[in-house]
Amino acid sequence: MTVKQVMTTEFVACAPGDTLAGISKSMRERDCGFIPVVNAAGTAVGVITDRDLALAVGGSTRAAERISAAEVMSAPVFACFADENLKVVLATMGAHRVRRLPVLDKQHGHVVGVLSLDDIARAPHHRGGPTAEEIVDAFRRITSAPKVGVPA
């Protein structure tokens, strides 16, 4: 089973200069908690999660209209390709402790979709796809606290 079979292709992206106020509005309108940040060439340069947004606005005296995506985005970008096997991608998610990944096109590196742990969990089971046990194991790795003094 590949990423392409379960990824979300209707997504929203933002630019590094977009404000957190606009990004928050996009998240609310789309009922999502993850937005890739792309440069003018369409290449992913970061990601913003609802948690990133909440911590940035809650921990600042500046208004969300005055904080840019570039200031709070997570980078480097951990991503996957549409033709990758879901079991491999689950391992990537667990290793980097992320629940969502931008899906890139191999030719140009442009964002063509988003893959979330929810997408994988909701996918019907197919031969070669991840088992429930593999999904739960990935979730455990994603949500576990990193060991102090040991790189994640």
C-alpha atoms as a PDB file:
ATOM      1  CA  MET A   1       0.000   0.000   0.000  1.00  0.00           C
ATOM      2  CA  THR A   2       1.378   3.405  -0.948  1.00  0.00           C
ATOM      3  CA  VAL A   3       1.012   6.940   0.360  1.00  0.00           C
ATOM      4  CA  LYS A   4      -0.910   7.936  -2.783  1.00  0.00           C
ATOM      5  CA  GLN A   5      -3.731   5.551  -1.870  1.00  0.00           C
ATOM      6  CA  VAL A   6      -4.543   7.323   1.420  1.00  0.00           C
ATOM      7  CA  MET A   7      -3.057  10.847   1.306  1.00  0.00           C
ATOM      8  CA  THR A   8      -5.154  13.987   1.350  1.00  0.00           C
ATOM      9  CA  THR A   9      -4.854  15.899  -1.913  1.00  0.00           C
ATOM     10  CA  GLU A  10      -7.080  18.824  -0.969  1.00  0.00           C
ATOM     11  CA  PHE A  11      -4.903  20.825   1.383  1.00  0.00           C
ATOM     12  CA  VAL A  12      -3.877  24.384   2.014  1.00  0.00           C
ATOM     13  CA  ALA A  13      -0.325  25.714   2.109  1.00  0.00           C
ATOM     14  CA  CYS A  14       1.040  29.089   3.160  1.00  0.00           C
ATOM     15  CA  ALA A  15       4.044  31.257   2.372  1.00  0.00           C
ATOM     16  CA  PRO A  16       6.800  32.148   4.868  1.00  0.00           C
ATOM     17  CA  GLY A  17       5.516  35.726   5.038  1.00  0.00           C
ATOM     18  CA  ASP A  18       1.895  34.807   5.782  1.00  0.00           C
ATOM     19  CA  THR A  19       0.659  35.819   9.215  1.00  0.00           C
ATOM     20  CA  LEU A  20      -0.445  33.476  11.954  1.00  0.00           C
ATOM     21  CA  ALA A  21      -3.846  35.179  11.916  1.00  0.00           C
ATOM     22  CA  GLY A  22      -4.383  34.104   8.304  1.00  0.00           C
ATOM     23  CA  ILE A  23      -2.963  30.644   8.929  1.00  0.00           C
ATOM     24  CA  SER A  24      -5.251  30.180  11.917  1.00  0.00           C
ATOM     25  CA  LYS A  25      -8.226  31.174   9.784  1.00  0.00           C
ATOM     26  CA  SER A  26      -7.215  28.660   7.093  1.00  0.00           C
ATOM     27  CA  MET A  27      -6.886  25.897   9.693  1.00  0.00           C
ATOM     28  CA  ARG A  28     -10.292  26.717  11.128  1.00  0.00           C
ATOM     29  CA  GLU A  29     -11.982  26.845   7.699  1.00  0.00           C
ATOM     30  CA  ARG A  30     -10.412  23.558   6.571  1.00  0.00           C
ATOM     31  CA  ASP A  31     -10.671  21.833   9.966  1.00  0.00           C
ATOM     32  CA  CYS A  32      -6.996  20.915   9.851  1.00  0.00           C
ATOM     33  CA  GLY A  33      -4.081  21.272  12.226  1.00  0.00           C
ATOM     34  CA  PHE A  34      -1.168  21.183   9.792  1.00  0.00           C
ATOM     35  CA  ILE A  35      -0.130  23.491   6.976  1.00  0.00           C
ATOM     36  CA  PRO A  36       2.999  23.154   4.845  1.00  0.00           C
ATOM     37  CA  VAL A  37       4.978  26.367   4.336  1.00  0.00           C
ATOM     38  CA  VAL A  38       6.151  26.691   0.729  1.00  0.00           C
ATOM     39  CA  ASN A  39       8.457  29.191  -0.950  1.00  0.00           C
ATOM     40  CA  ALA A  40       7.778  30.986  -4.242  1.00  0.00           C
ATOM     41  CA  ALA A  41       9.097  27.967  -6.174  1.00  0.00           C
ATOM     42  CA  GLY A  42       6.531  25.697  -4.471  1.00  0.00           C
ATOM     43  CA  THR A  43       9.120  23.864  -2.376  1.00  0.00           C
ATOM     44  CA  ALA A  44       8.352  22.997   1.248  1.00  0.00           C
ATOM     45  CA  VAL A  45      10.520  25.044   3.604  1.00  0.00           C
ATOM     46  CA  GLY A  46       8.675  24.304   6.837  1.00  0.00           C
ATOM     47  CA  VAL A  47       5.410  23.246   8.429  1.00  0.00           C
ATOM     48  CA  ILE A  48       3.102  24.836  10.952  1.00  0.00           C
ATOM     49  CA  THR A  49       0.918  22.824  13.293  1.00  0.00           C
ATOM     50  CA  ASP A  50      -1.960  24.052  15.394  1.00  0.00           C
ATOM     51  CA  ARG A  51       0.323  23.520  18.402  1.00  0.00           C
ATOM     52  CA  ASP A  52       3.064  25.702  16.870  1.00  0.00           C
ATOM     53  CA  LEU A  53       0.483  28.392  16.272  1.00  0.00           C
ATOM     54  CA  ALA A  54      -0.993  28.231  19.788  1.00  0.00           C
ATOM     55  CA  LEU A  55       2.408  28.330  21.486  1.00  0.00           C
ATOM     56  CA  ALA A  56       3.620  31.214  19.325  1.00  0.00           C
ATOM     57  CA  VAL A  57       0.561  33.381  19.897  1.00  0.00           C
ATOM     58  CA  GLY A  58       0.137  32.412  23.539  1.00  0.00           C
ATOM     59  CA  GLY A  59       3.775  33.086  24.336  1.00  0.00           C
ATOM     60  CA  SER A  60       4.050  36.429  22.597  1.00  0.00           C
ATOM     61  CA  THR A  61       2.933  39.947  23.310  1.00  0.00           C
ATOM     62  CA  ARG A  62       2.553  40.510  19.552  1.00  0.00           C
ATOM     63  CA  ALA A  63      -0.752  39.996  17.804  1.00  0.00           C
ATOM     64  CA  ALA A  64      -1.144  37.039  15.434  1.00  0.00           C
ATOM     65  CA  GLU A  65      -1.372  39.565  12.579  1.00  0.00           C
ATOM     66  CA  ARG A  66       2.221  40.584  13.321  1.00  0.00           C
ATOM     67  CA  ILE A  67       3.843  37.136  13.505  1.00  0.00           C
ATOM     68  CA  SER A  68       4.930  35.434  10.287  1.00  0.00           C
ATOM     69  CA  ALA A  69       4.968  31.756   9.401  1.00  0.00           C
ATOM     70  CA  ALA A  70       8.753  31.941   8.978  1.00  0.00           C
ATOM     71  CA  GLU A  71       9.137  32.909  12.637  1.00  0.00           C
ATOM     72  CA  VAL A  72       7.398  29.822  14.029  1.00  0.00           C
ATOM     73  CA  MET A  73       7.503  27.130  11.362  1.00  0.00           C
ATOM     74  CA  SER A  74       9.159  23.819  12.128  1.00  0.00           C
ATOM     75  CA  ALA A  75      12.127  23.011   9.933  1.00  0.00           C
ATOM     76  CA  PRO A  76      13.741  20.983   8.513  1.00  0.00           C
ATOM     77  CA  VAL A  77      10.784  19.446   6.748  1.00  0.00           C
ATOM     78  CA  PHE A  78      10.272  15.718   7.154  1.00  0.00           C
ATOM     79  CA  ALA A  79       8.328  14.550   4.110  1.00  0.00           C
ATOM     80  CA  CYS A  80       7.493  11.549   1.965  1.00  0.00           C
ATOM     81  CA  PHE A  81       6.701  10.732  -1.655  1.00  0.00           C
ATOM     82  CA  ALA A  82       3.393   9.507  -3.063  1.00  0.00           C
ATOM     83  CA  ASP A  83       4.840   6.198  -4.253  1.00  0.00           C
ATOM     84  CA  GLU A  84       6.406   5.277  -0.899  1.00  0.00           C
ATOM     85  CA  ASN A  85       5.204   2.275   1.053  1.00  0.00           C
ATOM     86  CA  LEU A  86       3.075   3.209   4.076  1.00  0.00           C
ATOM     87  CA  LYS A  87       5.049   0.911   6.363  1.00  0.00           C
ATOM     88  CA  VAL A  88       8.239   2.818   5.513  1.00  0.00           C
ATOM     89  CA  VAL A  89       6.482   6.154   6.035  1.00  0.00           C
ATOM     90  CA  LEU A  90       5.128   5.029   9.424  1.00  0.00           C
ATOM     91  CA  ALA A  91       8.716   4.330  10.459  1.00  0.00           C
ATOM     92  CA  THR A  92       9.704   7.847   9.304  1.00  0.00           C
ATOM     93  CA  MET A  93       6.856   9.378  11.296  1.00  0.00           C
ATOM     94  CA  GLY A  94       7.839   7.433  14.399  1.00  0.00           C
ATOM     95  CA  ALA A  95      11.538   8.237  14.063  1.00  0.00           C
ATOM     96  CA  HIS A  96      10.870  11.974  13.757  1.00  0.00           C
ATOM     97  CA  ARG A  97       7.918  11.995  16.180  1.00  0.00           C
ATOM     98  CA  VAL A  98       5.519  13.650  13.713  1.00  0.00           C
ATOM     99  CA  ARG A  99       1.875  12.835  13.016  1.00  0.00           C
ATOM    100  CA  ARG A 100       1.697  14.509   9.601  1.00  0.00           C
ATOM    101  CA  LEU A 101       3.960  14.791   6.598  1.00  0.00           C
ATOM    102  CA  PRO A 102       3.816  16.815   3.412  1.00  0.00           C
ATOM    103  CA  VAL A 103       3.795  14.568   0.342  1.00  0.00           C
ATOM    104  CA  LEU A 104       6.233  15.765  -2.311  1.00  0.00           C
ATOM    105  CA  ASP A 105       6.426  15.183  -6.027  1.00  0.00           C
ATOM    106  CA  LYS A 106       9.753  13.543  -6.850  1.00  0.00           C
ATOM    107  CA  GLN A 107      10.509  15.629  -9.895  1.00  0.00           C
ATOM    108  CA  HIS A 108      10.300  19.141  -8.434  1.00  0.00           C
ATOM    109  CA  GLY A 109       9.842  18.648  -4.696  1.00  0.00           C
ATOM    110  CA  HIS A 110       6.503  20.460  -4.754  1.00  0.00           C
ATOM    111  CA  VAL A 111       3.887  19.640  -2.141  1.00  0.00           C
ATOM    112  CA  VAL A 112       1.143  17.525  -3.750  1.00  0.00           C
ATOM    113  CA  GLY A 113      -0.659  16.360  -0.630  1.00  0.00           C
ATOM    114  CA  VAL A 114      -0.546  15.710   3.080  1.00  0.00           C
ATOM    115  CA  LEU A 115      -0.404  12.394   4.900  1.00  0.00           C
ATOM    116  CA  SER A 116      -1.538  12.088   8.504  1.00  0.00           C
ATOM    117  CA  LEU A 117      -1.558   9.245  10.959  1.00  0.00           C
ATOM    118  CA  ASP A 118      -5.359   9.628  10.848  1.00  0.00           C
ATOM    119  CA  ASP A 119      -5.340   9.000   7.071  1.00  0.00           C
ATOM    120  CA  ILE A 120      -3.394   5.794   7.628  1.00  0.00           C
ATOM    121  CA  ALA A 121      -5.591   4.614  10.504  1.00  0.00           C
ATOM    122  CA  ARG A 122      -8.805   5.248   8.532  1.00  0.00           C
ATOM    123  CA  ALA A 123      -7.579   3.483   5.399  1.00  0.00           C
ATOM    124  CA  PRO A 124      -9.158   0.127   4.689  1.00  0.00           C
ATOM    125  CA  HIS A 125      -6.741  -2.722   5.284  1.00  0.00           C
ATOM    126  CA  HIS A 126      -5.038  -3.899   2.110  1.00  0.00           C
ATOM    127  CA  ARG A 127      -2.525  -6.635   1.608  1.00  0.00           C
ATOM    128  CA  GLY A 128       0.887  -5.143   2.254  1.00  0.00           C
ATOM    129  CA  GLY A 129      -0.573  -2.222   4.173  1.00  0.00           C
ATOM    130  CA  PRO A 130       0.282  -1.471   7.779  1.00  0.00           C
ATOM    131  CA  THR A 131      -1.385  -3.602  10.418  1.00  0.00           C
ATOM    132  CA  ALA A 132      -3.229  -2.142  13.392  1.00  0.00           C
ATOM    133  CA  GLU A 133      -0.276  -3.173  15.539  1.00  0.00           C
ATOM    134  CA  GLU A 134       2.174  -1.270  13.305  1.00  0.00           C
ATOM    135  CA  ILE A 135      -0.022   1.839  13.413  1.00  0.00           C
ATOM    136  CA  VAL A 136      -0.289   1.691  17.207  1.00  0.00           C
ATOM    137  CA  ASP A 137       3.473   1.152  17.489  1.00  0.00           C
ATOM    138  CA  ALA A 138       4.115   4.240  15.329  1.00  0.00           C
ATOM    139  CA  PHE A 139       1.676   6.252  17.451  1.00  0.00           C
ATOM    140  CA  ARG A 140       3.511   5.164  20.614  1.00  0.00           C
ATOM    141  CA  ARG A 141       6.845   6.302  19.159  1.00  0.00           C
ATOM    142  CA  ILE A 142       5.356   9.607  17.988  1.00  0.00           C
ATOM    143  CA  THR A 143       3.820  10.438  21.355  1.00  0.00           C
ATOM    144  CA  SER A 144       6.631   9.183  23.579  1.00  0.00           C
ATOM    145  CA  ALA A 145       8.852  11.729  25.256  1.00  0.00           C
ATOM    146  CA  PRO A 146      12.364  11.828  23.818  1.00  0.00           C
ATOM    147  CA  LYS A 147      15.034  10.394  26.070  1.00  0.00           C
ATOM    148  CA  VAL A 148      17.044  13.148  27.714  1.00  0.00           C
ATOM    149  CA  GLY A 149      20.503  13.447  26.204  1.00  0.00           C
ATOM    150  CA  VAL A 150      19.687  11.068  23.344  1.00  0.00           C
ATOM    151  CA  PRO A 151      18.928  12.456  19.870  1.00  0.00           C
ATOM    152  CA  ALA A 152      15.358  11.726  18.747  1.00  0.00           C
END
